All heavy atoms as atom14 arrays in JSON, in Angstrom:
{
  "sequence": "TRDQAICVKMGCAGNNIQMQCLGEDDAWNLFRYYVGEEIINAD",
  "atom14_mask": [
    [1, 1, 1, 1, 1, 1, 1, 0, 0, 0, 0, 0, 0, 0],
    [1, 1, 1, 1, 1, 1, 1, 1, 1, 1, 1, 0, 0, 0],
    [1, 1, 1, 1, 1, 1, 1, 1, 0, 0, 0, 0, 0, 0],
    [1, 1, 1, 1, 1, 1, 1, 1, 1, 0, 0, 0, 0, 0],
    [1, 1, 1, 1, 1, 0, 0, 0, 0, 0, 0, 0, 0, 0],
    [1, 1, 1, 1, 1, 1, 1, 1, 0, 0, 0, 0, 0, 0],
    [1, 1, 1, 1, 1, 1, 0, 0, 0, 0, 0, 0, 0, 0],
    [1, 1, 1, 1, 1, 1, 1, 0, 0, 0, 0, 0, 0, 0],
    [1, 1, 1, 1, 1, 1, 1, 1, 1, 0, 0, 0, 0, 0],
    [1, 1, 1, 1, 1, 1, 1, 1, 0, 0, 0, 0, 0, 0],
    [1, 1, 1, 1, 0, 0, 0, 0, 0, 0, 0, 0, 0, 0],
    [1, 1, 1, 1, 1, 1, 0, 0, 0, 0, 0, 0, 0, 0],
    [1, 1, 1, 1, 1, 0, 0, 0, 0, 0, 0, 0, 0, 0],
    [1, 1, 1, 1, 0, 0, 0, 0, 0, 0, 0, 0, 0, 0],
    [1, 1, 1, 1, 1, 1, 1, 1, 0, 0, 0, 0, 0, 0],
    [1, 1, 1, 1, 1, 1, 1, 1, 0, 0, 0, 0, 0, 0],
    [1, 1, 1, 1, 1, 1, 1, 1, 0, 0, 0, 0, 0, 0],
    [1, 1, 1, 1, 1, 1, 1, 1, 1, 0, 0, 0, 0, 0],
    [1, 1, 1, 1, 1, 1, 1, 1, 0, 0, 0, 0, 0, 0],
    [1, 1, 1, 1, 1, 1, 1, 1, 1, 0, 0, 0, 0, 0],
    [1, 1, 1, 1, 1, 1, 0, 0, 0, 0, 0, 0, 0, 0],
    [1, 1, 1, 1, 1, 1, 1, 1, 0, 0, 0, 0, 0, 0],
    [1, 1, 1, 1, 0, 0, 0, 0, 0, 0, 0, 0, 0, 0],
    [1, 1, 1, 1, 1, 1, 1, 1, 1, 0, 0, 0, 0, 0],
    [1, 1, 1, 1, 1, 1, 1, 1, 0, 0, 0, 0, 0, 0],
    [1, 1, 1, 1, 1, 1, 1, 1, 0, 0, 0, 0, 0, 0],
    [1, 1, 1, 1, 1, 0, 0, 0, 0, 0, 0, 0, 0, 0],
    [1, 1, 1, 1, 1, 1, 1, 1, 1, 1, 1, 1, 1, 1],
    [1, 1, 1, 1, 1, 1, 1, 1, 0, 0, 0, 0, 0, 0],
    [1, 1, 1, 1, 1, 1, 1, 1, 0, 0, 0, 0, 0, 0],
    [1, 1, 1, 1, 1, 1, 1, 1, 1, 1, 1, 0, 0, 0],
    [1, 1, 1, 1, 1, 1, 1, 1, 1, 1, 1, 0, 0, 0],
    [1, 1, 1, 1, 1, 1, 1, 1, 1, 1, 1, 1, 0, 0],
    [1, 1, 1, 1, 1, 1, 1, 1, 1, 1, 1, 1, 0, 0],
    [1, 1, 1, 1, 1, 1, 1, 0, 0, 0, 0, 0, 0, 0],
    [1, 1, 1, 1, 0, 0, 0, 0, 0, 0, 0, 0, 0, 0],
    [1, 1, 1, 1, 1, 1, 1, 1, 1, 0, 0, 0, 0, 0],
    [1, 1, 1, 1, 1, 1, 1, 1, 1, 0, 0, 0, 0, 0],
    [1, 1, 1, 1, 1, 1, 1, 1, 0, 0, 0, 0, 0, 0],
    [1, 1, 1, 1, 1, 1, 1, 1, 0, 0, 0, 0, 0, 0],
    [1, 1, 1, 1, 1, 1, 1, 1, 0, 0, 0, 0, 0, 0],
    [1, 1, 1, 1, 1, 0, 0, 0, 0, 0, 0, 0, 0, 0],
    [1, 1, 1, 1, 1, 1, 1, 1, 0, 0, 0, 0, 0, 0]
  ],
  "atom14_positions": [
    [[-8.65, 4.72, 5.4], [-8.84, 6.13, 5.11], [-7.5, 6.84, 5.12], [-6.55, 6.38, 5.74], [-9.8, 6.79, 6.12], [-9.94, 8.18, 5.78], [-9.28, 6.67, 7.54], [0.0, 0.0, 0.0], [0.0, 0.0, 0.0], [0.0, 0.0, 0.0], [0.0, 0.0, 0.0], [0.0, 0.0, 0.0], [0.0, 0.0, 0.0], [0.0, 0.0, 0.0]],
    [[-7.45, 7.94, 4.42], [-6.24, 8.78, 4.43], [-6.33, 9.85, 5.51], [-5.38, 10.54, 5.77], [-6.08, 9.45, 3.07], [-5.75, 8.5, 1.97], [-5.66, 9.27, 0.64], [-5.43, 8.36, -0.45], [-6.37, 7.69, -1.09], [-7.63, 7.84, -0.76], [-6.07, 6.87, -2.06], [0.0, 0.0, 0.0], [0.0, 0.0, 0.0], [0.0, 0.0, 0.0]],
    [[-7.5, 9.99, 6.12], [-7.74, 11.08, 7.06], [-7.99, 10.53, 8.46], [-8.98, 9.84, 8.71], [-8.95, 11.88, 6.56], [-9.19, 13.15, 7.34], [-8.55, 13.35, 8.4], [-10.03, 13.94, 6.89], [0.0, 0.0, 0.0], [0.0, 0.0, 0.0], [0.0, 0.0, 0.0], [0.0, 0.0, 0.0], [0.0, 0.0, 0.0], [0.0, 0.0, 0.0]],
    [[-7.1, 10.85, 9.37], [-7.2, 10.39, 10.76], [-8.5, 10.86, 11.42], [-9.06, 10.17, 12.26], [-5.99, 10.9, 11.55], [-5.87, 10.38, 12.94], [-5.42, 8.93, 12.98], [-4.85, 8.43, 12.03], [-5.68, 8.27, 14.08], [0.0, 0.0, 0.0], [0.0, 0.0, 0.0], [0.0, 0.0, 0.0], [0.0, 0.0, 0.0], [0.0, 0.0, 0.0]],
    [[-9.0, 12.03, 11.03], [-10.23, 12.57, 11.61], [-11.43, 11.66, 11.35], [-12.35, 11.59, 12.16], [-10.49, 13.97, 11.07], [0.0, 0.0, 0.0], [0.0, 0.0, 0.0], [0.0, 0.0, 0.0], [0.0, 0.0, 0.0], [0.0, 0.0, 0.0], [0.0, 0.0, 0.0], [0.0, 0.0, 0.0], [0.0, 0.0, 0.0], [0.0, 0.0, 0.0]],
    [[-11.43, 10.97, 10.25], [-12.52, 10.05, 9.94], [-12.55, 8.9, 10.95], [-13.61, 8.5, 11.41], [-12.41, 9.52, 8.49], [-12.68, 10.68, 7.53], [-13.37, 8.37, 8.25], [-12.45, 10.36, 6.08], [0.0, 0.0, 0.0], [0.0, 0.0, 0.0], [0.0, 0.0, 0.0], [0.0, 0.0, 0.0], [0.0, 0.0, 0.0], [0.0, 0.0, 0.0]],
    [[-11.38, 8.41, 11.31], [-11.31, 7.34, 12.33], [-11.89, 7.83, 13.65], [-12.63, 7.11, 14.32], [-9.87, 6.89, 12.53], [-9.19, 6.01, 11.13], [0.0, 0.0, 0.0], [0.0, 0.0, 0.0], [0.0, 0.0, 0.0], [0.0, 0.0, 0.0], [0.0, 0.0, 0.0], [0.0, 0.0, 0.0], [0.0, 0.0, 0.0], [0.0, 0.0, 0.0]],
    [[-11.56, 9.06, 14.02], [-12.07, 9.62, 15.27], [-13.59, 9.73, 15.21], [-14.29, 9.34, 16.15], [-11.42, 11.0, 15.55], [-12.08, 11.68, 16.73], [-9.93, 10.84, 15.78], [0.0, 0.0, 0.0], [0.0, 0.0, 0.0], [0.0, 0.0, 0.0], [0.0, 0.0, 0.0], [0.0, 0.0, 0.0], [0.0, 0.0, 0.0], [0.0, 0.0, 0.0]],
    [[-14.13, 10.22, 14.09], [-15.59, 10.37, 13.95], [-16.31, 9.02, 13.99], [-17.44, 8.93, 14.44], [-15.92, 11.08, 12.64], [-15.58, 12.55, 12.64], [-15.91, 13.18, 11.32], [-15.5, 14.64, 11.3], [-15.74, 15.25, 9.98], [0.0, 0.0, 0.0], [0.0, 0.0, 0.0], [0.0, 0.0, 0.0], [0.0, 0.0, 0.0], [0.0, 0.0, 0.0]],
    [[-15.66, 7.97, 13.53], [-16.28, 6.65, 13.51], [-16.08, 5.9, 14.82], [-16.59, 4.8, 14.99], [-15.71, 5.83, 12.36], [-16.11, 6.38, 11.01], [-15.47, 5.4, 9.66], [-16.42, 3.91, 9.85], [0.0, 0.0, 0.0], [0.0, 0.0, 0.0], [0.0, 0.0, 0.0], [0.0, 0.0, 0.0], [0.0, 0.0, 0.0], [0.0, 0.0, 0.0]],
    [[-15.32, 6.49, 15.73], [-15.11, 5.87, 17.03], [-14.12, 4.73, 17.03], [-14.13, 3.89, 17.92], [0.0, 0.0, 0.0], [0.0, 0.0, 0.0], [0.0, 0.0, 0.0], [0.0, 0.0, 0.0], [0.0, 0.0, 0.0], [0.0, 0.0, 0.0], [0.0, 0.0, 0.0], [0.0, 0.0, 0.0], [0.0, 0.0, 0.0], [0.0, 0.0, 0.0]],
    [[-13.27, 4.69, 16.04], [-12.29, 3.6, 15.98], [-10.86, 4.14, 16.02], [-9.94, 3.52, 15.51], [-12.51, 2.73, 14.75], [-12.53, 3.62, 13.2], [0.0, 0.0, 0.0], [0.0, 0.0, 0.0], [0.0, 0.0, 0.0], [0.0, 0.0, 0.0], [0.0, 0.0, 0.0], [0.0, 0.0, 0.0], [0.0, 0.0, 0.0], [0.0, 0.0, 0.0]],
    [[-10.68, 5.29, 16.64], [-9.37, 5.93, 16.66], [-8.34, 5.14, 17.47], [-7.16, 5.22, 17.21], [-9.48, 7.35, 17.21], [0.0, 0.0, 0.0], [0.0, 0.0, 0.0], [0.0, 0.0, 0.0], [0.0, 0.0, 0.0], [0.0, 0.0, 0.0], [0.0, 0.0, 0.0], [0.0, 0.0, 0.0], [0.0, 0.0, 0.0], [0.0, 0.0, 0.0]],
    [[-8.77, 4.36, 18.43], [-7.83, 3.62, 19.26], [-7.28, 2.36, 18.62], [-6.32, 1.78, 19.11], [0.0, 0.0, 0.0], [0.0, 0.0, 0.0], [0.0, 0.0, 0.0], [0.0, 0.0, 0.0], [0.0, 0.0, 0.0], [0.0, 0.0, 0.0], [0.0, 0.0, 0.0], [0.0, 0.0, 0.0], [0.0, 0.0, 0.0], [0.0, 0.0, 0.0]],
    [[-7.88, 1.91, 17.54], [-7.49, 0.65, 16.9], [-6.81, 0.87, 15.55], [-6.96, 0.06, 14.65], [-8.72, -0.25, 16.7], [-9.34, -0.64, 18.01], [-8.63, -0.9, 18.98], [-10.65, -0.69, 18.06], [0.0, 0.0, 0.0], [0.0, 0.0, 0.0], [0.0, 0.0, 0.0], [0.0, 0.0, 0.0], [0.0, 0.0, 0.0], [0.0, 0.0, 0.0]],
    [[-6.09, 1.95, 15.42], [-5.5, 2.29, 14.13], [-4.2, 1.54, 13.88], [-3.41, 1.32, 14.78], [-5.19, 3.78, 14.05], [-6.44, 4.62, 14.02], [-7.54, 4.11, 13.89], [-6.27, 5.91, 14.15], [0.0, 0.0, 0.0], [0.0, 0.0, 0.0], [0.0, 0.0, 0.0], [0.0, 0.0, 0.0], [0.0, 0.0, 0.0], [0.0, 0.0, 0.0]],
    [[-4.02, 1.21, 12.64], [-2.74, 0.71, 12.16], [-2.34, 1.66, 11.05], [-3.01, 1.73, 10.01], [-2.85, -0.73, 11.61], [-3.32, -1.68, 12.7], [-1.52, -1.16, 11.02], [-3.62, -3.07, 12.19], [0.0, 0.0, 0.0], [0.0, 0.0, 0.0], [0.0, 0.0, 0.0], [0.0, 0.0, 0.0], [0.0, 0.0, 0.0], [0.0, 0.0, 0.0]],
    [[-1.3, 2.41, 11.27], [-0.88, 3.37, 10.26], [-0.03, 2.67, 9.21], [0.97, 2.03, 9.51], [-0.09, 4.51, 10.88], [0.24, 5.58, 9.88], [0.82, 6.82, 10.53], [0.9, 6.92, 11.73], [1.22, 7.76, 9.72], [0.0, 0.0, 0.0], [0.0, 0.0, 0.0], [0.0, 0.0, 0.0], [0.0, 0.0, 0.0], [0.0, 0.0, 0.0]],
    [[-0.48, 2.77, 7.98], [0.22, 2.14, 6.87], [1.29, 3.09, 6.34], [1.07, 4.29, 6.26], [-0.76, 1.81, 5.74], [-1.89, 0.88, 6.17], [-1.32, -0.7, 6.77], [-0.67, -1.41, 5.29], [0.0, 0.0, 0.0], [0.0, 0.0, 0.0], [0.0, 0.0, 0.0], [0.0, 0.0, 0.0], [0.0, 0.0, 0.0], [0.0, 0.0, 0.0]],
    [[2.39, 2.54, 6.01], [3.5, 3.3, 5.43], [3.61, 2.95, 3.95], [3.09, 1.93, 3.5], [4.81, 2.96, 6.14], [4.79, 3.23, 7.63], [4.62, 4.7, 7.94], [5.19, 5.56, 7.27], [3.82, 4.99, 8.95], [0.0, 0.0, 0.0], [0.0, 0.0, 0.0], [0.0, 0.0, 0.0], [0.0, 0.0, 0.0], [0.0, 0.0, 0.0]],
    [[4.32, 3.78, 3.24], [4.59, 3.47, 1.84], [5.53, 2.26, 1.79], [6.26, 1.98, 2.73], [5.24, 4.66, 1.15], [4.12, 6.04, 0.99], [0.0, 0.0, 0.0], [0.0, 0.0, 0.0], [0.0, 0.0, 0.0], [0.0, 0.0, 0.0], [0.0, 0.0, 0.0], [0.0, 0.0, 0.0], [0.0, 0.0, 0.0], [0.0, 0.0, 0.0]],
    [[5.48, 1.56, 0.69], [6.33, 0.39, 0.52], [7.77, 0.8, 0.29], [8.04, 1.84, -0.32], [5.85, -0.45, -0.67], [4.45, -1.03, -0.57], [4.08, -1.73, -1.87], [4.36, -1.99, 0.6], [0.0, 0.0, 0.0], [0.0, 0.0, 0.0], [0.0, 0.0, 0.0], [0.0, 0.0, 0.0], [0.0, 0.0, 0.0], [0.0, 0.0, 0.0]],
    [[8.66, -0.05, 0.73], [10.07, 0.15, 0.44], [10.36, -0.15, -1.02], [9.5, -0.68, -1.76], [0.0, 0.0, 0.0], [0.0, 0.0, 0.0], [0.0, 0.0, 0.0], [0.0, 0.0, 0.0], [0.0, 0.0, 0.0], [0.0, 0.0, 0.0], [0.0, 0.0, 0.0], [0.0, 0.0, 0.0], [0.0, 0.0, 0.0], [0.0, 0.0, 0.0]],
    [[11.56, 0.14, -1.45], [11.94, 0.0, -2.85], [11.73, -1.42, -3.38], [11.13, -1.62, -4.44], [13.42, 0.41, -2.99], [13.85, 0.74, -4.37], [15.27, 1.27, -4.38], [15.54, 2.28, -3.69], [16.1, 0.67, -5.08], [0.0, 0.0, 0.0], [0.0, 0.0, 0.0], [0.0, 0.0, 0.0], [0.0, 0.0, 0.0], [0.0, 0.0, 0.0]],
    [[12.2, -2.42, -2.64], [12.08, -3.81, -3.11], [10.63, -4.27, -3.13], [10.19, -4.92, -4.09], [12.91, -4.74, -2.21], [14.4, -4.56, -2.4], [14.82, -4.01, -3.45], [15.16, -4.95, -1.49], [0.0, 0.0, 0.0], [0.0, 0.0, 0.0], [0.0, 0.0, 0.0], [0.0, 0.0, 0.0], [0.0, 0.0, 0.0], [0.0, 0.0, 0.0]],
    [[9.89, -3.95, -2.06], [8.48, -4.35, -2.02], [7.66, -3.67, -3.11], [6.78, -4.28, -3.71], [7.87, -4.06, -0.65], [8.42, -4.98, 0.43], [8.82, -6.12, 0.1], [8.45, -4.57, 1.61], [0.0, 0.0, 0.0], [0.0, 0.0, 0.0], [0.0, 0.0, 0.0], [0.0, 0.0, 0.0], [0.0, 0.0, 0.0], [0.0, 0.0, 0.0]],
    [[7.96, -2.4, -3.36], [7.26, -1.66, -4.42], [7.54, -2.31, -5.78], [6.61, -2.51, -6.58], [7.69, -0.2, -4.42], [0.0, 0.0, 0.0], [0.0, 0.0, 0.0], [0.0, 0.0, 0.0], [0.0, 0.0, 0.0], [0.0, 0.0, 0.0], [0.0, 0.0, 0.0], [0.0, 0.0, 0.0], [0.0, 0.0, 0.0], [0.0, 0.0, 0.0]],
    [[8.78, -2.65, -6.03], [9.15, -3.29, -7.3], [8.46, -4.65, -7.44], [7.93, -4.98, -8.49], [10.66, -3.41, -7.4], [11.15, -4.15, -8.61], [11.87, -5.31, -8.63], [10.96, -3.79, -9.99], [12.13, -5.69, -9.92], [11.59, -4.78, -10.77], [10.31, -2.75, -10.63], [11.59, -4.74, -12.17], [10.32, -2.7, -12.02], [10.95, -3.69, -12.78]],
    [[8.43, -5.43, -6.37], [7.78, -6.74, -6.41], [6.28, -6.63, -6.66], [5.71, -7.41, -7.43], [8.05, -7.51, -5.12], [9.49, -7.96, -5.01], [10.18, -8.13, -6.02], [9.96, -8.14, -3.79], [0.0, 0.0, 0.0], [0.0, 0.0, 0.0], [0.0, 0.0, 0.0], [0.0, 0.0, 0.0], [0.0, 0.0, 0.0], [0.0, 0.0, 0.0]],
    [[5.63, -5.66, -6.01], [4.2, -5.46, -6.22], [3.92, -5.05, -7.66], [3.01, -5.57, -8.3], [3.65, -4.41, -5.25], [2.15, -4.11, -5.35], [1.33, -5.35, -4.99], [1.79, -2.95, -4.43], [0.0, 0.0, 0.0], [0.0, 0.0, 0.0], [0.0, 0.0, 0.0], [0.0, 0.0, 0.0], [0.0, 0.0, 0.0], [0.0, 0.0, 0.0]],
    [[4.7, -4.14, -8.19], [4.52, -3.68, -9.56], [4.71, -4.84, -10.54], [3.9, -5.04, -11.46], [5.51, -2.55, -9.86], [5.26, -1.86, -11.17], [4.23, -0.95, -11.3], [6.07, -2.11, -12.26], [4.0, -0.3, -12.52], [5.86, -1.48, -13.47], [4.82, -0.57, -13.6], [0.0, 0.0, 0.0], [0.0, 0.0, 0.0], [0.0, 0.0, 0.0]],
    [[5.77, -5.62, -10.34], [6.03, -6.78, -11.22], [4.89, -7.78, -11.16], [4.53, -8.38, -12.16], [7.33, -7.47, -10.81], [8.55, -6.76, -11.3], [9.83, -7.55, -11.11], [9.66, -8.78, -10.37], [10.49, -9.22, -9.44], [11.54, -8.52, -9.1], [10.27, -10.37, -8.83], [0.0, 0.0, 0.0], [0.0, 0.0, 0.0], [0.0, 0.0, 0.0]],
    [[4.31, -7.95, -9.97], [3.19, -8.87, -9.82], [2.01, -8.45, -10.71], [1.41, -9.28, -11.37], [2.75, -8.91, -8.35], [1.5, -9.69, -8.1], [1.52, -11.08, -8.05], [0.27, -9.05, -7.94], [0.35, -11.81, -7.82], [-0.89, -9.77, -7.72], [-0.84, -11.15, -7.65], [-1.98, -11.86, -7.44], [0.0, 0.0, 0.0], [0.0, 0.0, 0.0]],
    [[1.69, -7.17, -10.72], [0.55, -6.69, -11.5], [0.84, -6.6, -12.99], [-0.04, -6.87, -13.8], [0.04, -5.35, -10.96], [-0.84, -5.56, -9.76], [-0.36, -5.37, -8.48], [-2.16, -5.99, -9.91], [-1.16, -5.6, -7.38], [-2.96, -6.22, -8.82], [-2.47, -6.02, -7.56], [-3.26, -6.25, -6.47], [0.0, 0.0, 0.0], [0.0, 0.0, 0.0]],
    [[2.06, -6.23, -13.35], [2.4, -6.14, -14.77], [2.59, -7.54, -15.35], [2.1, -7.84, -16.44], [3.67, -5.3, -15.0], [4.1, -5.37, -16.46], [3.44, -3.87, -14.59], [0.0, 0.0, 0.0], [0.0, 0.0, 0.0], [0.0, 0.0, 0.0], [0.0, 0.0, 0.0], [0.0, 0.0, 0.0], [0.0, 0.0, 0.0], [0.0, 0.0, 0.0]],
    [[3.32, -8.37, -14.64], [3.64, -9.72, -15.12], [5.09, -9.78, -15.57], [5.59, -8.87, -16.23], [0.0, 0.0, 0.0], [0.0, 0.0, 0.0], [0.0, 0.0, 0.0], [0.0, 0.0, 0.0], [0.0, 0.0, 0.0], [0.0, 0.0, 0.0], [0.0, 0.0, 0.0], [0.0, 0.0, 0.0], [0.0, 0.0, 0.0], [0.0, 0.0, 0.0]],
    [[5.74, -10.84, -15.17], [7.17, -11.02, -15.49], [7.43, -11.05, -16.99], [8.45, -10.54, -17.45], [7.7, -12.3, -14.84], [7.78, -12.26, -13.35], [8.81, -11.29, -12.82], [9.83, -11.05, -13.48], [8.57, -10.75, -11.72], [0.0, 0.0, 0.0], [0.0, 0.0, 0.0], [0.0, 0.0, 0.0], [0.0, 0.0, 0.0], [0.0, 0.0, 0.0]],
    [[6.51, -11.64, -17.76], [6.74, -11.77, -19.2], [6.82, -10.4, -19.88], [7.59, -10.21, -20.81], [5.68, -12.65, -19.87], [4.26, -12.13, -19.8], [3.56, -12.34, -18.46], [4.09, -13.04, -17.59], [2.46, -11.78, -18.28], [0.0, 0.0, 0.0], [0.0, 0.0, 0.0], [0.0, 0.0, 0.0], [0.0, 0.0, 0.0], [0.0, 0.0, 0.0]],
    [[6.04, -9.43, -19.41], [6.09, -8.08, -19.98], [7.35, -7.36, -19.51], [8.09, -6.78, -20.3], [4.84, -7.26, -19.59], [3.56, -7.92, -20.11], [4.96, -5.81, -20.05], [3.36, -7.84, -21.59], [0.0, 0.0, 0.0], [0.0, 0.0, 0.0], [0.0, 0.0, 0.0], [0.0, 0.0, 0.0], [0.0, 0.0, 0.0], [0.0, 0.0, 0.0]],
    [[7.61, -7.41, -18.21], [8.78, -6.72, -17.63], [10.07, -7.2, -18.26], [10.96, -6.42, -18.57], [8.83, -6.92, -16.09], [7.65, -6.25, -15.41], [10.16, -6.44, -15.52], [7.74, -4.76, -15.26], [0.0, 0.0, 0.0], [0.0, 0.0, 0.0], [0.0, 0.0, 0.0], [0.0, 0.0, 0.0], [0.0, 0.0, 0.0], [0.0, 0.0, 0.0]],
    [[10.18, -8.51, -18.46], [11.43, -9.09, -18.96], [11.5, -9.19, -20.48], [12.49, -9.68, -21.01], [11.66, -10.47, -18.33], [11.9, -10.36, -16.84], [12.56, -9.44, -16.37], [11.36, -11.29, -16.09], [0.0, 0.0, 0.0], [0.0, 0.0, 0.0], [0.0, 0.0, 0.0], [0.0, 0.0, 0.0], [0.0, 0.0, 0.0], [0.0, 0.0, 0.0]],
    [[10.47, -8.73, -21.17], [10.44, -8.83, -22.63], [11.46, -7.91, -23.3], [11.95, -8.21, -24.37], [9.04, -8.52, -23.15], [0.0, 0.0, 0.0], [0.0, 0.0, 0.0], [0.0, 0.0, 0.0], [0.0, 0.0, 0.0], [0.0, 0.0, 0.0], [0.0, 0.0, 0.0], [0.0, 0.0, 0.0], [0.0, 0.0, 0.0], [0.0, 0.0, 0.0]],
    [[11.78, -6.8, -22.63], [12.66, -5.81, -23.25], [13.37, -5.04, -22.14], [12.75, -4.65, -21.16], [11.79, -4.87, -24.1], [12.61, -3.89, -24.91], [13.24, -3.01, -24.29], [12.6, -3.99, -26.14], [0.0, 0.0, 0.0], [0.0, 0.0, 0.0], [0.0, 0.0, 0.0], [0.0, 0.0, 0.0], [0.0, 0.0, 0.0], [0.0, 0.0, 0.0]]
  ]
}
């Protein structure tokens, strides 16, 4: 969820793992994975 209040309402507020945005390299690798190397490197 994007909303911490939802975790509290569901009773799982103590077991949270807060996700952060990806760093530059990880973001690029994830994007390349979904697009495909053949498209990215075509031009």
